[in-house]
Structure formats: C-alpha cells, structure tokens
Amino acid sequence: MARKSLVGVVADELLDRIIDGEFPPGSTVPGEHELSARHEVSRMTVREAMKTLQAQQILSVERGRGTFVNPLNRWTSLEAVLRAASEGKNEAEASVQLIELRRMLETGACELAAGRISEADTESLFAYIAAMKAAHAVNDVTSFVEADLAFHDVILRASGNVFVSVLFEPLHRVLEKRRAETSAVPAIQEHAIGHHQNIAEALQSGDATRSRLAMDAHMQQTLDDLKNLVLPAK
C-alpha cells in the first residue's frame, strides 16, 4: 500500500478533528501558520491540504474572514461522509439517515430481484435466515450480523443492477457497525428474523410488489426499533 503524501496526512488529520467535533459546522479552522507548526510541514503543504478539503466541499473560504467548516449535507466526498457517519459525534442522525438511504435503494432492489432471483439465491436466503435463528438462540451477535448482511447482499446482487452493488459496497463498513449496535437487542433480532422470512417468501413467489412492500416494512421496523429501543438508551 502506497504511503500517503504529507498533503494527504495533513488533510486526513484535519478531517479527523472536524469529525471529532473539535471544529463543528460553521466554525473556523486554524490558519496556515498554526497548522504548519502543528504538523511540522511547510505552509505550502498545509495550503494544498486545505485545497483538498475545499474541493470536497468540507471547507469553504470566505475572503477576509477565514476558512469555515461546511455542514455535512454539503460534503461531496462519499469517503468523508462515511467516516463522519461511522466515527462522528452525531450518531443518532447518521443512523436514521442511513436507514432512509437503505430504504430508498433496497426496496427498489428487492422489487427488481423478484423477477430475476435464481433458485440457488432463494435457497441462500432461507439458509441465512436459519443462521440468524441459530445465532439468536445463543445470542451470537457477530454471527447474526454476518448472516443478516449476507442476506441483503444476495438481494442486491439478484437485482441484476450493477450500480446498486457498487453504491452499497462503500457502505458495508458502516452498516456492519450499525447492525452490531442494533442487533445486540434480542427483540430487534426477533423482528429482523420475521421480516427476513417475509422478504424471502415474497421473493420466492416472484411477486415484485409483494417483495417491495416486504422490504419496505422491514426498513420501517428497523427505523422504529432504532428510535424506540436503541437511541433512547444512549
């Protein structure tokens, strides 16, 4: 793996400080002189690092006033947004928005998969449900999450749309972390098993509308569980 340039290192460390909440949206970041002293690099290196974050709409420069942190919804770097979602302080909002994104993409993917899924993939779905049940019985959260993610991966691939899988691949790390948090609640595991069963049966029937509605119901239950069983405990 290639080493990051000094510019990349400085940009990453400043982004870490932004994500950690040291510089919240609307605040100014330190000037070139302070950052160059902190990182023991030239002001030119700092300037290029700042330009990197400006290009990603993470920072904006107002002449005569300084360099400001933009709100997350203006960032254009998927990697930076995912880092903020998995490491940032505002986890509640990020968790809700992640489910909203999944709902938009996965309900459509499930509808497409209904007419395209193979018998082997359908068998895999029921096998993953069985694995979820076995993990639930012994409260093996890690195995439960693995089977849960694998179940959804089968559907994404079965949709036959290459863009769906490409869009979801960068989300995998964040999804795994979020699933581990929610799946630690036994009641949520039970809800997930029931909804996965409904989804698999709908896909097996080949009914596109039924499949879409089954996935949508799962996403709604996931959102309700997050709001009612996870977030209040934090």
Protein backbone atom coordinates (compact mmCIF):
# COMPACT_ATOMS: atom_id res chain seq x y z
CA MET A 1 0.00 0.00 0.00
CA ALA A 2 1.41 3.38 -1.01
CA ARG A 3 2.23 5.83 1.73
CA LYS A 4 0.09 8.95 1.89
CA SER A 5 1.72 12.18 0.89
CA LEU A 6 2.26 14.87 3.51
CA VAL A 7 -0.64 16.75 1.98
CA GLY A 8 -2.88 13.71 2.43
CA VAL A 9 -1.75 13.20 6.02
CA VAL A 10 -2.47 16.80 6.97
CA ALA A 11 -5.86 16.74 5.21
CA ASP A 12 -6.82 13.48 6.97
CA GLU A 13 -5.81 14.73 10.40
CA LEU A 14 -7.75 17.96 9.96
CA LEU A 15 -10.76 15.95 8.77
CA ASP A 16 -10.44 13.76 11.88
CA ARG A 17 -10.59 16.87 14.07
CA ILE A 18 -13.67 18.08 12.20
CA ILE A 19 -15.41 14.70 12.56
CA ASP A 20 -14.49 14.54 16.26
CA GLY A 21 -16.37 17.79 16.77
CA GLU A 22 -13.36 19.98 17.51
CA PHE A 23 -14.43 22.18 14.59
CA PRO A 24 -18.23 21.93 14.20
CA PRO A 25 -20.11 23.19 11.13
CA GLY A 26 -19.85 26.95 10.78
CA SER A 27 -16.67 27.24 12.85
CA THR A 28 -13.33 28.44 11.53
CA VAL A 29 -10.34 26.15 11.27
CA PRO A 30 -6.81 27.21 12.27
CA GLY A 31 -4.76 29.23 9.83
CA GLU A 32 -1.83 28.03 7.75
CA HIS A 33 0.77 29.18 10.26
CA GLU A 34 -0.78 27.27 13.18
CA LEU A 35 -1.35 24.11 11.16
CA SER A 36 2.14 24.13 9.67
CA ALA A 37 3.62 24.41 13.17
CA ARG A 38 1.37 21.61 14.50
CA HIS A 39 2.22 19.20 11.70
CA GLU A 40 5.80 20.39 11.20
CA VAL A 41 5.29 20.89 7.49
CA SER A 42 5.54 23.86 5.17
CA ARG A 43 2.72 26.34 4.72
CA MET A 44 2.54 25.23 1.09
CA THR A 45 1.74 21.67 2.26
CA VAL A 46 -0.97 23.00 4.56
CA ARG A 47 -2.36 25.14 1.75
CA GLU A 48 -2.63 22.12 -0.54
CA ALA A 49 -4.28 20.06 2.22
CA MET A 50 -6.86 22.80 2.73
CA LYS A 51 -7.49 22.88 -1.02
CA THR A 52 -8.15 19.13 -0.91
CA LEU A 53 -10.88 19.60 1.71
CA GLN A 54 -12.26 22.63 -0.14
CA ALA A 55 -12.57 20.55 -3.32
CA GLN A 56 -14.68 18.07 -1.33
CA GLN A 57 -16.86 20.92 -0.04
CA ILE A 58 -15.82 20.10 3.53
CA LEU A 59 -14.30 23.56 3.91
CA SER A 60 -15.15 26.88 2.32
CA VAL A 61 -13.06 30.03 2.22
CA GLU A 62 -14.54 33.46 2.79
CA ARG A 63 -12.04 36.07 1.78
CA GLY A 64 -11.14 38.35 4.62
CA ARG A 65 -12.94 36.18 7.19
CA GLY A 66 -11.27 32.78 7.18
CA THR A 67 -11.85 29.13 6.34
CA PHE A 68 -15.08 27.59 7.62
CA VAL A 69 -16.39 24.05 8.10
CA ASN A 70 -19.40 23.28 5.93
CA PRO A 71 -22.40 21.26 7.19
CA LEU A 72 -22.27 17.55 6.38
CA ASN A 73 -25.03 17.79 3.77
CA ARG A 74 -22.73 19.90 1.58
CA TRP A 75 -19.81 17.46 1.59
CA THR A 76 -19.22 15.79 -1.77
CA SER A 77 -16.76 13.09 -0.70
CA LEU A 78 -18.52 9.78 -0.03
CA GLU A 79 -15.49 8.52 1.92
CA ALA A 80 -15.55 11.59 4.19
CA VAL A 81 -19.29 11.31 4.75
CA LEU A 82 -18.95 7.63 5.64
CA ARG A 83 -16.16 8.45 8.08
CA ALA A 84 -18.38 11.05 9.69
CA ALA A 85 -21.24 8.56 9.89
CA SER A 86 -19.13 5.83 11.50
CA GLU A 87 -16.87 7.94 13.71
CA GLY A 88 -18.68 11.23 14.25
CA LYS A 89 -20.45 12.55 17.32
CA ASN A 90 -23.93 12.90 15.82
CA GLU A 91 -24.55 9.16 15.52
CA ALA A 92 -28.32 9.34 16.01
CA GLU A 93 -28.89 11.49 12.94
CA ALA A 94 -26.43 9.45 10.89
CA SER A 95 -28.14 6.19 11.87
CA VAL A 96 -31.58 7.48 10.87
CA GLN A 97 -30.31 8.83 7.55
CA LEU A 98 -28.53 5.58 6.79
CA ILE A 99 -31.80 3.67 7.15
CA GLU A 100 -33.51 6.25 4.94
CA LEU A 101 -30.87 5.62 2.27
CA ARG A 102 -31.20 1.87 2.61
CA ARG A 103 -34.97 2.19 2.28
CA MET A 104 -34.68 4.10 -0.99
CA LEU A 105 -32.23 1.63 -2.52
CA GLU A 106 -33.16 -1.73 -1.06
CA THR A 107 -36.90 -1.59 -1.66
CA GLY A 108 -36.24 -0.98 -5.35
CA ALA A 109 -33.56 -3.66 -5.44
CA CYS A 110 -35.93 -6.15 -3.86
CA GLU A 111 -38.62 -5.33 -6.42
CA LEU A 112 -36.16 -5.96 -9.26
CA ALA A 113 -34.85 -9.14 -7.65
CA ALA A 114 -38.33 -10.68 -7.54
CA GLY A 115 -38.26 -11.24 -11.28
CA ARG A 116 -34.59 -12.14 -11.53
CA ILE A 117 -33.56 -14.12 -8.46
CA SER A 118 -32.37 -17.68 -9.06
CA GLU A 119 -33.48 -20.75 -7.18
CA ALA A 120 -29.98 -21.06 -5.70
CA ASP A 121 -30.12 -17.50 -4.40
CA THR A 122 -33.54 -18.11 -2.89
CA GLU A 123 -32.18 -21.15 -1.10
CA SER A 124 -29.33 -19.00 0.19
CA LEU A 125 -31.81 -16.52 1.65
CA PHE A 126 -33.54 -19.22 3.68
CA ALA A 127 -30.15 -20.62 4.74
CA TYR A 128 -29.14 -17.20 6.07
CA ILE A 129 -32.43 -16.95 7.95
CA ALA A 130 -31.68 -20.30 9.56
CA ALA A 131 -28.23 -18.99 10.52
CA MET A 132 -29.84 -15.88 12.03
CA LYS A 133 -32.18 -18.06 14.08
CA ALA A 134 -29.30 -20.21 15.31
CA ALA A 135 -27.27 -17.15 16.27
CA HIS A 136 -30.26 -15.60 18.01
CA ALA A 137 -30.77 -18.74 20.09
CA VAL A 138 -27.31 -18.36 21.64
CA ASN A 139 -27.14 -14.56 21.38
CA ASP A 140 -24.18 -14.68 19.00
CA VAL A 141 -24.41 -11.11 17.72
CA THR A 142 -21.40 -11.37 15.40
CA SER A 143 -22.78 -14.40 13.55
CA PHE A 144 -26.24 -12.84 13.47
CA VAL A 145 -24.90 -9.69 11.81
CA GLU A 146 -22.85 -11.70 9.31
CA ALA A 147 -25.92 -13.67 8.22
CA ASP A 148 -28.06 -10.52 8.15
CA LEU A 149 -25.62 -8.66 5.88
CA ALA A 150 -25.16 -11.70 3.65
CA PHE A 151 -28.96 -11.99 3.24
CA HIS A 152 -29.18 -8.43 1.95
CA ASP A 153 -26.12 -8.86 -0.27
CA VAL A 154 -27.85 -11.74 -2.07
CA ILE A 155 -30.82 -9.49 -2.86
CA LEU A 156 -28.64 -6.61 -4.04
CA ARG A 157 -26.80 -8.92 -6.44
CA ALA A 158 -30.01 -10.61 -7.54
CA SER A 159 -31.44 -7.24 -8.57
CA GLY A 160 -29.19 -7.53 -11.63
CA ASN A 161 -28.35 -3.84 -11.48
CA VAL A 162 -24.59 -3.36 -11.25
CA PHE A 163 -24.94 0.18 -9.89
CA VAL A 164 -26.80 -0.99 -6.80
CA SER A 165 -23.93 -3.20 -5.65
CA VAL A 166 -21.37 -0.50 -6.47
CA LEU A 167 -23.27 2.06 -4.40
CA PHE A 168 -23.61 -0.28 -1.44
CA GLU A 169 -20.03 -1.54 -1.31
CA PRO A 170 -18.61 1.59 0.44
CA LEU A 171 -21.44 1.43 2.98
CA HIS A 172 -20.55 -2.06 4.17
CA ARG A 173 -18.21 -0.99 7.00
CA VAL A 174 -20.75 1.49 8.38
CA LEU A 175 -23.62 -0.98 8.03
CA GLU A 176 -21.66 -3.65 9.90
CA LYS A 177 -21.03 -1.29 12.82
CA ARG A 178 -24.65 -0.12 12.95
CA ARG A 179 -26.02 -3.67 12.72
CA ALA A 180 -23.79 -4.74 15.60
CA GLU A 181 -25.30 -1.99 17.75
CA THR A 182 -28.94 -2.69 16.92
CA SER A 183 -28.64 -6.48 16.76
CA ALA A 184 -27.35 -6.56 20.33
CA VAL A 185 -31.01 -6.11 21.36
CA PRO A 186 -32.75 -9.55 21.35
CA ALA A 187 -36.15 -8.06 20.44
CA ILE A 188 -34.64 -6.46 17.37
CA GLN A 189 -33.18 -9.80 16.33
CA GLU A 190 -36.66 -11.34 16.57
CA HIS A 191 -38.19 -8.57 14.47
CA ALA A 192 -35.44 -8.93 11.85
CA ILE A 193 -35.92 -12.71 11.57
CA GLY A 194 -39.64 -12.30 10.98
CA HIS A 195 -39.19 -9.64 8.33
CA HIS A 196 -36.42 -11.55 6.57
CA GLN A 197 -38.73 -14.55 6.41
CA ASN A 198 -41.44 -12.40 4.80
CA ILE A 199 -38.98 -10.99 2.29
CA ALA A 200 -37.63 -14.41 1.30
CA GLU A 201 -41.11 -15.82 0.84
CA ALA A 202 -42.15 -12.79 -1.25
CA LEU A 203 -39.10 -13.18 -3.49
CA GLN A 204 -39.73 -16.90 -3.80
CA SER A 205 -43.24 -16.11 -5.05
CA GLY A 206 -41.83 -13.86 -7.78
CA ASP A 207 -44.30 -11.10 -6.86
CA ALA A 208 -42.46 -7.79 -7.34
CA THR A 209 -44.99 -5.64 -5.47
CA ARG A 210 -45.15 -8.03 -2.54
CA SER A 211 -41.34 -8.14 -2.41
CA ARG A 212 -41.03 -4.35 -2.43
CA LEU A 213 -43.62 -3.99 0.31
CA ALA A 214 -41.97 -6.69 2.41
CA MET A 215 -38.61 -4.91 2.25
CA ASP A 216 -40.25 -1.56 2.94
CA ALA A 217 -41.93 -2.99 6.04
CA HIS A 218 -38.55 -4.30 7.19
CA MET A 219 -36.97 -0.86 6.76
CA GLN A 220 -39.82 0.76 8.70
CA GLN A 221 -39.45 -1.77 11.51
CA THR A 222 -35.70 -1.16 11.56
CA LEU A 223 -36.27 2.58 11.86
CA ASP A 224 -38.88 2.11 14.60
CA ASP A 225 -36.57 -0.23 16.53
CA LEU A 226 -33.72 2.24 16.26
CA LYS A 227 -35.81 5.10 17.58
CA ASN A 228 -37.59 3.12 20.30
CA LEU A 229 -35.03 0.58 21.50
CA VAL A 230 -31.55 1.87 20.68
CA LEU A 231 -31.35 5.66 20.65
CA PRO A 232 -33.19 6.20 23.99
CA ALA A 233 -30.59 4.00 25.71
CA LYS A 234 -27.69 6.20 24.56
